[in-house]
Amino acid sequence: MQEDECGFLHPFIDTEKCINCGICEKRCPMGAMHAGKITSSCIRCLRCVSLCPQGALSYQSTKILNRYLHRYYKQAKPTLYL
């Protein structure tokens, strides 16, 4: 996975779990999901991650975000609630 220019959360798709149900495309507020790919218009709201019935969508926090949260919350890997 490549880190984006902002260095924040970045969703990604597990193509082996995805059944192409289209829920993520229909419910994305920015229309950032097309044909099983996340476009650059993604605002990282992570709605797609929370709605996926197969658990095919997930996210990773990047190094920059982990360092920030570690500094302020003294956690190595913070828990994010969706």
PDB file of N, CA and C in Angstrom:
ATOM      1  N   MET A   1       0.839  -1.184   0.000  1.00  0.00           N
ATOM      2  CA  MET A   1       0.000   0.000   0.000  1.00  0.00           C
ATOM      3  C   MET A   1       0.879   1.240   0.000  1.00  0.00           C
ATOM      4  N   GLN A   2       0.522   2.207  -0.796  1.00  0.00           N
ATOM      5  CA  GLN A   2       1.270   3.447  -0.847  1.00  0.00           C
ATOM      6  C   GLN A   2       0.653   4.474   0.073  1.00  0.00           C
ATOM      7  N   GLU A   3       1.527   5.199   0.734  1.00  0.00           N
ATOM      8  CA  GLU A   3       1.067   6.275   1.614  1.00  0.00           C
ATOM      9  C   GLU A   3       0.673   7.461   0.746  1.00  0.00           C
ATOM     10  N   ASP A   4      -0.437   8.095   1.078  1.00  0.00           N
ATOM     11  CA  ASP A   4      -0.870   9.240   0.290  1.00  0.00           C
ATOM     12  C   ASP A   4      -0.080  10.484   0.670  1.00  0.00           C
ATOM     13  N   GLU A   5      -0.313  11.568  -0.068  1.00  0.00           N
ATOM     14  CA  GLU A   5       0.455  12.792   0.148  1.00  0.00           C
ATOM     15  C   GLU A   5       0.194  13.435   1.494  1.00  0.00           C
ATOM     16  N   CYS A   6      -0.968  13.181   2.083  1.00  0.00           N
ATOM     17  CA  CYS A   6      -1.294  13.761   3.378  1.00  0.00           C
ATOM     18  C   CYS A   6      -0.766  12.912   4.530  1.00  0.00           C
ATOM     19  N   GLY A   7      -0.580  11.626   4.296  1.00  0.00           N
ATOM     20  CA  GLY A   7      -0.054  10.744   5.328  1.00  0.00           C
ATOM     21  C   GLY A   7      -1.078  10.323   6.363  1.00  0.00           C
ATOM     22  N   PHE A   8      -2.340  10.232   5.996  1.00  0.00           N
ATOM     23  CA  PHE A   8      -3.373   9.842   6.946  1.00  0.00           C
ATOM     24  C   PHE A   8      -3.919   8.459   6.617  1.00  0.00           C
ATOM     25  N   LEU A   9      -5.098   8.151   7.101  1.00  0.00           N
ATOM     26  CA  LEU A   9      -5.712   6.853   6.850  1.00  0.00           C
ATOM     27  C   LEU A   9      -5.877   6.609   5.359  1.00  0.00           C
ATOM     28  N   HIS A  10      -5.718   5.371   4.979  1.00  0.00           N
ATOM     29  CA  HIS A  10      -5.845   5.031   3.576  1.00  0.00           C
ATOM     30  C   HIS A  10      -6.602   3.716   3.454  1.00  0.00           C
ATOM     31  N   PRO A  11      -7.816   3.713   2.902  1.00  0.00           N
ATOM     32  CA  PRO A  11      -8.563   2.468   2.751  1.00  0.00           C
ATOM     33  C   PRO A  11      -8.004   1.619   1.610  1.00  0.00           C
ATOM     34  N   PHE A  12      -8.165   0.315   1.720  1.00  0.00           N
ATOM     35  CA  PHE A  12      -7.794  -0.555   0.614  1.00  0.00           C
ATOM     36  C   PHE A  12      -8.740  -1.732   0.542  1.00  0.00           C
ATOM     37  N   ILE A  13      -8.755  -2.391  -0.622  1.00  0.00           N
ATOM     38  CA  ILE A  13      -9.713  -3.453  -0.908  1.00  0.00           C
ATOM     39  C   ILE A  13      -8.990  -4.791  -1.011  1.00  0.00           C
ATOM     40  N   ASP A  14      -9.514  -5.790  -0.307  1.00  0.00           N
ATOM     41  CA  ASP A  14      -9.036  -7.164  -0.437  1.00  0.00           C
ATOM     42  C   ASP A  14      -9.859  -7.790  -1.561  1.00  0.00           C
ATOM     43  N   THR A  15      -9.274  -7.925  -2.727  1.00  0.00           N
ATOM     44  CA  THR A  15     -10.007  -8.397  -3.901  1.00  0.00           C
ATOM     45  C   THR A  15     -10.467  -9.848  -3.769  1.00  0.00           C
ATOM     46  N   GLU A  16      -9.853 -10.618  -2.901  1.00  0.00           N
ATOM     47  CA  GLU A  16     -10.285 -11.999  -2.695  1.00  0.00           C
ATOM     48  C   GLU A  16     -11.587 -12.070  -1.894  1.00  0.00           C
ATOM     49  N   LYS A  17     -11.835 -11.089  -1.027  1.00  0.00           N
ATOM     50  CA  LYS A  17     -13.063 -11.060  -0.228  1.00  0.00           C
ATOM     51  C   LYS A  17     -14.202 -10.318  -0.916  1.00  0.00           C
ATOM     52  N   CYS A  18     -13.867  -9.393  -1.794  1.00  0.00           N
ATOM     53  CA  CYS A  18     -14.880  -8.548  -2.444  1.00  0.00           C
ATOM     54  C   CYS A  18     -15.759  -9.379  -3.382  1.00  0.00           C
ATOM     55  N   ILE A  19     -17.089  -9.230  -3.238  1.00  0.00           N
ATOM     56  CA  ILE A  19     -18.038  -9.942  -4.098  1.00  0.00           C
ATOM     57  C   ILE A  19     -18.721  -8.989  -5.087  1.00  0.00           C
ATOM     58  N   ASN A  20     -18.217  -7.774  -5.191  1.00  0.00           N
ATOM     59  CA  ASN A  20     -18.752  -6.761  -6.108  1.00  0.00           C
ATOM     60  C   ASN A  20     -20.236  -6.490  -5.888  1.00  0.00           C
ATOM     61  N   CYS A  21     -20.630  -6.368  -4.625  1.00  0.00           N
ATOM     62  CA  CYS A  21     -22.035  -6.102  -4.297  1.00  0.00           C
ATOM     63  C   CYS A  21     -22.420  -4.657  -4.606  1.00  0.00           C
ATOM     64  N   GLY A  22     -21.450  -3.744  -4.630  1.00  0.00           N
ATOM     65  CA  GLY A  22     -21.712  -2.353  -4.992  1.00  0.00           C
ATOM     66  C   GLY A  22     -22.168  -1.462  -3.857  1.00  0.00           C
ATOM     67  N   ILE A  23     -22.251  -1.984  -2.648  1.00  0.00           N
ATOM     68  CA  ILE A  23     -22.698  -1.165  -1.513  1.00  0.00           C
ATOM     69  C   ILE A  23     -21.755   0.017  -1.295  1.00  0.00           C
ATOM     70  N   CYS A  24     -20.472  -0.222  -1.394  1.00  0.00           N
ATOM     71  CA  CYS A  24     -19.502   0.858  -1.179  1.00  0.00           C
ATOM     72  C   CYS A  24     -19.666   1.963  -2.222  1.00  0.00           C
ATOM     73  N   GLU A  25     -19.903   1.584  -3.468  1.00  0.00           N
ATOM     74  CA  GLU A  25     -20.094   2.576  -4.531  1.00  0.00           C
ATOM     75  C   GLU A  25     -21.366   3.395  -4.310  1.00  0.00           C
ATOM     76  N   LYS A  26     -22.440   2.733  -3.904  1.00  0.00           N
ATOM     77  CA  LYS A  26     -23.720   3.416  -3.712  1.00  0.00           C
ATOM     78  C   LYS A  26     -23.712   4.360  -2.514  1.00  0.00           C
ATOM     79  N   ARG A  27     -22.988   4.003  -1.476  1.00  0.00           N
ATOM     80  CA  ARG A  27     -23.043   4.765  -0.221  1.00  0.00           C
ATOM     81  C   ARG A  27     -21.896   5.754  -0.033  1.00  0.00           C
ATOM     82  N   CYS A  28     -20.923   5.755  -0.925  1.00  0.00           N
ATOM     83  CA  CYS A  28     -19.792   6.688  -0.799  1.00  0.00           C
ATOM     84  C   CYS A  28     -20.273   8.122  -1.021  1.00  0.00           C
ATOM     85  N   PRO A  29     -20.065   9.025  -0.043  1.00  0.00           N
ATOM     86  CA  PRO A  29     -20.548  10.394  -0.190  1.00  0.00           C
ATOM     87  C   PRO A  29     -19.836  11.185  -1.287  1.00  0.00           C
ATOM     88  N   MET A  30     -18.659  10.733  -1.690  1.00  0.00           N
ATOM     89  CA  MET A  30     -17.893  11.448  -2.710  1.00  0.00           C
ATOM     90  C   MET A  30     -17.879  10.722  -4.056  1.00  0.00           C
ATOM     91  N   GLY A  31     -18.508   9.557  -4.126  1.00  0.00           N
ATOM     92  CA  GLY A  31     -18.478   8.785  -5.369  1.00  0.00           C
ATOM     93  C   GLY A  31     -17.076   8.328  -5.707  1.00  0.00           C
ATOM     94  N   ALA A  32     -16.291   8.003  -4.684  1.00  0.00           N
ATOM     95  CA  ALA A  32     -14.879   7.679  -4.871  1.00  0.00           C
ATOM     96  C   ALA A  32     -14.598   6.203  -5.147  1.00  0.00           C
ATOM     97  N   MET A  33     -15.645   5.389  -5.211  1.00  0.00           N
ATOM     98  CA  MET A  33     -15.483   3.971  -5.491  1.00  0.00           C
ATOM     99  C   MET A  33     -15.994   3.687  -6.892  1.00  0.00           C
ATOM    100  N   HIS A  34     -15.144   3.121  -7.738  1.00  0.00           N
ATOM    101  CA  HIS A  34     -15.537   2.782  -9.102  1.00  0.00           C
ATOM    102  C   HIS A  34     -14.892   1.467  -9.502  1.00  0.00           C
ATOM    103  N   ALA A  35     -15.724   0.506  -9.852  1.00  0.00           N
ATOM    104  CA  ALA A  35     -15.259  -0.791 -10.362  1.00  0.00           C
ATOM    105  C   ALA A  35     -14.221  -1.438  -9.436  1.00  0.00           C
ATOM    106  N   GLY A  36     -14.491  -1.382  -8.148  1.00  0.00           N
ATOM    107  CA  GLY A  36     -13.599  -2.030  -7.192  1.00  0.00           C
ATOM    108  C   GLY A  36     -12.305  -1.288  -6.916  1.00  0.00           C
ATOM    109  N   LYS A  37     -12.254  -0.033  -7.257  1.00  0.00           N
ATOM    110  CA  LYS A  37     -11.056   0.770  -7.008  1.00  0.00           C
ATOM    111  C   LYS A  37     -11.438   2.059  -6.298  1.00  0.00           C
ATOM    112  N   ILE A  38     -10.522   2.536  -5.461  1.00  0.00           N
ATOM    113  CA  ILE A  38     -10.731   3.785  -4.731  1.00  0.00           C
ATOM    114  C   ILE A  38     -10.041   4.900  -5.502  1.00  0.00           C
ATOM    115  N   THR A  39     -10.780   5.949  -5.835  1.00  0.00           N
ATOM    116  CA  THR A  39     -10.216   7.038  -6.624  1.00  0.00           C
ATOM    117  C   THR A  39      -9.629   8.126  -5.723  1.00  0.00           C
ATOM    118  N   SER A  40      -9.017   9.092  -6.352  1.00  0.00           N
ATOM    119  CA  SER A  40      -8.364  10.178  -5.614  1.00  0.00           C
ATOM    120  C   SER A  40      -9.357  11.120  -4.934  1.00  0.00           C
ATOM    121  N   SER A  41     -10.642  11.010  -5.246  1.00  0.00           N
ATOM    122  CA  SER A  41     -11.627  11.874  -4.594  1.00  0.00           C
ATOM    123  C   SER A  41     -12.032  11.364  -3.207  1.00  0.00           C
ATOM    124  N   CYS A  42     -11.454  10.263  -2.760  1.00  0.00           N
ATOM    125  CA  CYS A  42     -11.747   9.701  -1.438  1.00  0.00           C
ATOM    126  C   CYS A  42     -11.352  10.681  -0.340  1.00  0.00           C
ATOM    127  N   ILE A  43     -12.289  10.934   0.598  1.00  0.00           N
ATOM    128  CA  ILE A  43     -12.010  11.857   1.704  1.00  0.00           C
ATOM    129  C   ILE A  43     -11.704  11.112   3.003  1.00  0.00           C
ATOM    130  N   ARG A  44     -11.572   9.803   2.917  1.00  0.00           N
ATOM    131  CA  ARG A  44     -11.205   8.946   4.052  1.00  0.00           C
ATOM    132  C   ARG A  44     -12.212   9.006   5.196  1.00  0.00           C
ATOM    133  N   CYS A  45     -13.481   9.034   4.847  1.00  0.00           N
ATOM    134  CA  CYS A  45     -14.521   9.006   5.880  1.00  0.00           C
ATOM    135  C   CYS A  45     -14.675   7.589   6.429  1.00  0.00           C
ATOM    136  N   LEU A  46     -14.230   6.606   5.675  1.00  0.00           N
ATOM    137  CA  LEU A  46     -14.243   5.181   6.032  1.00  0.00           C
ATOM    138  C   LEU A  46     -15.646   4.600   6.139  1.00  0.00           C
ATOM    139  N   ARG A  47     -16.612   5.263   5.548  1.00  0.00           N
ATOM    140  CA  ARG A  47     -17.971   4.716   5.514  1.00  0.00           C
ATOM    141  C   ARG A  47     -17.977   3.375   4.785  1.00  0.00           C
ATOM    142  N   CYS A  48     -17.210   3.275   3.707  1.00  0.00           N
ATOM    143  CA  CYS A  48     -17.145   2.034   2.939  1.00  0.00           C
ATOM    144  C   CYS A  48     -16.648   0.868   3.798  1.00  0.00           C
ATOM    145  N   VAL A  49     -15.680   1.142   4.661  1.00  0.00           N
ATOM    146  CA  VAL A  49     -15.123   0.108   5.532  1.00  0.00           C
ATOM    147  C   VAL A  49     -16.191  -0.404   6.496  1.00  0.00           C
ATOM    148  N   SER A  50     -16.957   0.498   7.070  1.00  0.00           N
ATOM    149  CA  SER A  50     -17.957   0.088   8.046  1.00  0.00           C
ATOM    150  C   SER A  50     -19.171  -0.584   7.403  1.00  0.00           C
ATOM    151  N   LEU A  51     -19.444  -0.334   6.121  1.00  0.00           N
ATOM    152  CA  LEU A  51     -20.621  -0.891   5.457  1.00  0.00           C
ATOM    153  C   LEU A  51     -20.374  -2.196   4.712  1.00  0.00           C
ATOM    154  N   CYS A  52     -19.149  -2.547   4.440  1.00  0.00           N
ATOM    155  CA  CYS A  52     -18.850  -3.729   3.622  1.00  0.00           C
ATOM    156  C   CYS A  52     -19.299  -5.014   4.332  1.00  0.00           C
ATOM    157  N   PRO A  53     -20.259  -5.756   3.737  1.00  0.00           N
ATOM    158  CA  PRO A  53     -20.762  -6.961   4.392  1.00  0.00           C
ATOM    159  C   PRO A  53     -19.755  -8.110   4.406  1.00  0.00           C
ATOM    160  N   GLN A  54     -18.781  -8.081   3.531  1.00  0.00           N
ATOM    161  CA  GLN A  54     -17.794  -9.154   3.442  1.00  0.00           C
ATOM    162  C   GLN A  54     -16.499  -8.830   4.185  1.00  0.00           C
ATOM    163  N   GLY A  55     -16.373  -7.607   4.683  1.00  0.00           N
ATOM    164  CA  GLY A  55     -15.132  -7.205   5.341  1.00  0.00           C
ATOM    165  C   GLY A  55     -13.973  -7.082   4.365  1.00  0.00           C
ATOM    166  N   ALA A  56     -14.294  -6.794   3.111  1.00  0.00           N
ATOM    167  CA  ALA A  56     -13.266  -6.693   2.076  1.00  0.00           C
ATOM    168  C   ALA A  56     -12.539  -5.355   2.100  1.00  0.00           C
ATOM    169  N   LEU A  57     -13.152  -4.367   2.718  1.00  0.00           N
ATOM    170  CA  LEU A  57     -12.529  -3.053   2.819  1.00  0.00           C
ATOM    171  C   LEU A  57     -11.969  -2.869   4.218  1.00  0.00           C
ATOM    172  N   SER A  58     -10.763  -2.349   4.269  1.00  0.00           N
ATOM    173  CA  SER A  58     -10.149  -2.065   5.564  1.00  0.00           C
ATOM    174  C   SER A  58      -9.265  -0.837   5.396  1.00  0.00           C
ATOM    175  N   TYR A  59      -8.594  -0.455   6.441  1.00  0.00           N
ATOM    176  CA  TYR A  59      -7.736   0.720   6.374  1.00  0.00           C
ATOM    177  C   TYR A  59      -6.450   0.444   7.138  1.00  0.00           C
ATOM    178  N   GLN A  60      -5.478   1.247   6.851  1.00  0.00           N
ATOM    179  CA  GLN A  60      -4.243   1.239   7.612  1.00  0.00           C
ATOM    180  C   GLN A  60      -3.931   2.671   7.970  1.00  0.00           C
ATOM    181  N   SER A  61      -3.495   2.861   9.200  1.00  0.00           N
ATOM    182  CA  SER A  61      -3.012   4.193   9.546  1.00  0.00           C
ATOM    183  C   SER A  61      -1.544   4.246   9.135  1.00  0.00           C
ATOM    184  N   THR A  62      -1.135   5.370   8.633  1.00  0.00           N
ATOM    185  CA  THR A  62       0.216   5.503   8.099  1.00  0.00           C
ATOM    186  C   THR A  62       1.204   5.898   9.193  1.00  0.00           C
ATOM    187  N   LYS A  63       2.451   5.881   8.849  1.00  0.00           N
ATOM    188  CA  LYS A  63       3.515   6.186   9.811  1.00  0.00           C
ATOM    189  C   LYS A  63       3.354   7.573  10.434  1.00  0.00           C
ATOM    190  N   ILE A  64       2.993   8.534   9.630  1.00  0.00           N
ATOM    191  CA  ILE A  64       2.842   9.906  10.131  1.00  0.00           C
ATOM    192  C   ILE A  64       1.735   9.975  11.172  1.00  0.00           C
ATOM    193  N   LEU A  65       0.587   9.355  10.881  1.00  0.00           N
ATOM    194  CA  LEU A  65      -0.521   9.356  11.825  1.00  0.00           C
ATOM    195  C   LEU A  65      -0.168   8.584  13.091  1.00  0.00           C
ATOM    196  N   ASN A  66       0.490   7.443  12.949  1.00  0.00           N
ATOM    197  CA  ASN A  66       0.895   6.665  14.124  1.00  0.00           C
ATOM    198  C   ASN A  66       1.835   7.457  15.027  1.00  0.00           C
ATOM    199  N   ARG A  67       2.795   8.175  14.433  1.00  0.00           N
ATOM    200  CA  ARG A  67       3.716   8.987  15.241  1.00  0.00           C
ATOM    201  C   ARG A  67       2.971  10.090  15.983  1.00  0.00           C
ATOM    202  N   TYR A  68       2.053  10.733  15.299  1.00  0.00           N
ATOM    203  CA  TYR A  68       1.270  11.798  15.922  1.00  0.00           C
ATOM    204  C   TYR A  68       0.469  11.251  17.094  1.00  0.00           C
ATOM    205  N   LEU A  69      -0.273  10.176  16.870  1.00  0.00           N
ATOM    206  CA  LEU A  69      -1.104   9.610  17.926  1.00  0.00           C
ATOM    207  C   LEU A  69      -0.264   9.042  19.069  1.00  0.00           C
ATOM    208  N   HIS A  70       0.865   8.463  18.740  1.00  0.00           N
ATOM    209  CA  HIS A  70       1.742   7.921  19.781  1.00  0.00           C
ATOM    210  C   HIS A  70       2.255   9.047  20.684  1.00  0.00           C
ATOM    211  N   ARG A  71       2.591  10.142  20.075  1.00  0.00           N
ATOM    212  CA  ARG A  71       3.100  11.276  20.830  1.00  0.00           C
ATOM    213  C   ARG A  71       2.052  11.816  21.798  1.00  0.00           C
ATOM    214  N   TYR A  72       0.809  11.906  21.344  1.00  0.00           N
ATOM    215  CA  TYR A  72      -0.230  12.517  22.168  1.00  0.00           C
ATOM    216  C   TYR A  72      -1.018  11.538  23.033  1.00  0.00           C
ATOM    217  N   TYR A  73      -1.036  10.286  22.638  1.00  0.00           N
ATOM    218  CA  TYR A  73      -1.822   9.314  23.401  1.00  0.00           C
ATOM    219  C   TYR A  73      -0.985   8.187  23.977  1.00  0.00           C
ATOM    220  N   LYS A  74       0.309   8.211  23.743  1.00  0.00           N
ATOM    221  CA  LYS A  74       1.242   7.224  24.287  1.00  0.00           C
ATOM    222  C   LYS A  74       0.839   5.790  23.947  1.00  0.00           C
ATOM    223  N   GLN A  75       0.340   5.586  22.731  1.00  0.00           N
ATOM    224  CA  GLN A  75      -0.013   4.267  22.251  1.00  0.00           C
ATOM    225  C   GLN A  75       0.810   3.974  21.003  1.00  0.00           C
ATOM    226  N   ALA A  76       1.276   2.760  20.877  1.00  0.00           N
ATOM    227  CA  ALA A  76       2.014   2.377  19.674  1.00  0.00           C
ATOM    228  C   ALA A  76       1.074   2.216  18.477  1.00  0.00           C
ATOM    229  N   LYS A  77      -0.059   1.594  18.678  1.00  0.00           N
ATOM    230  CA  LYS A  77      -1.036   1.397  17.613  1.00  0.00           C
ATOM    231  C   LYS A  77      -2.404   1.776  18.154  1.00  0.00           C
ATOM    232  N   PRO A  78      -2.872   2.987  17.880  1.00  0.00           N
ATOM    233  CA  PRO A  78      -4.147   3.452  18.428  1.00  0.00           C
ATOM    234  C   PRO A  78      -5.331   2.680  17.850  1.00  0.00           C
ATOM    235  N   THR A  79      -6.392   2.642  18.604  1.00  0.00           N
ATOM    236  CA  THR A  79      -7.630   2.025  18.151  1.00  0.00           C
ATOM    237  C   THR A  79      -8.527   3.116  17.590  1.00  0.00           C
ATOM    238  N   LEU A  80      -8.996   2.913  16.380  1.00  0.00           N
ATOM    239  CA  LEU A  80      -9.911   3.854  15.753  1.00  0.00           C
ATOM    240  C   LEU A  80     -11.270   3.210  15.693  1.00  0.00           C
ATOM    241  N   TYR A  81     -12.286   3.920  16.119  1.00  0.00           N
ATOM    242  CA  TYR A  81     -13.647   3.393  16.130  1.00  0.00           C
ATOM    243  C   TYR A  81     -14.427   3.969  14.964  1.00  0.00           C
ATOM    244  N   LEU A  82     -15.058   3.107  14.204  1.00  0.00           N
ATOM    245  CA  LEU A  82     -15.854   3.544  13.041  1.00  0.00           C
ATOM    246  C   LEU A  82     -17.315   3.576  13.386  1.00  0.00           C
TER     247      LEU A  82
END
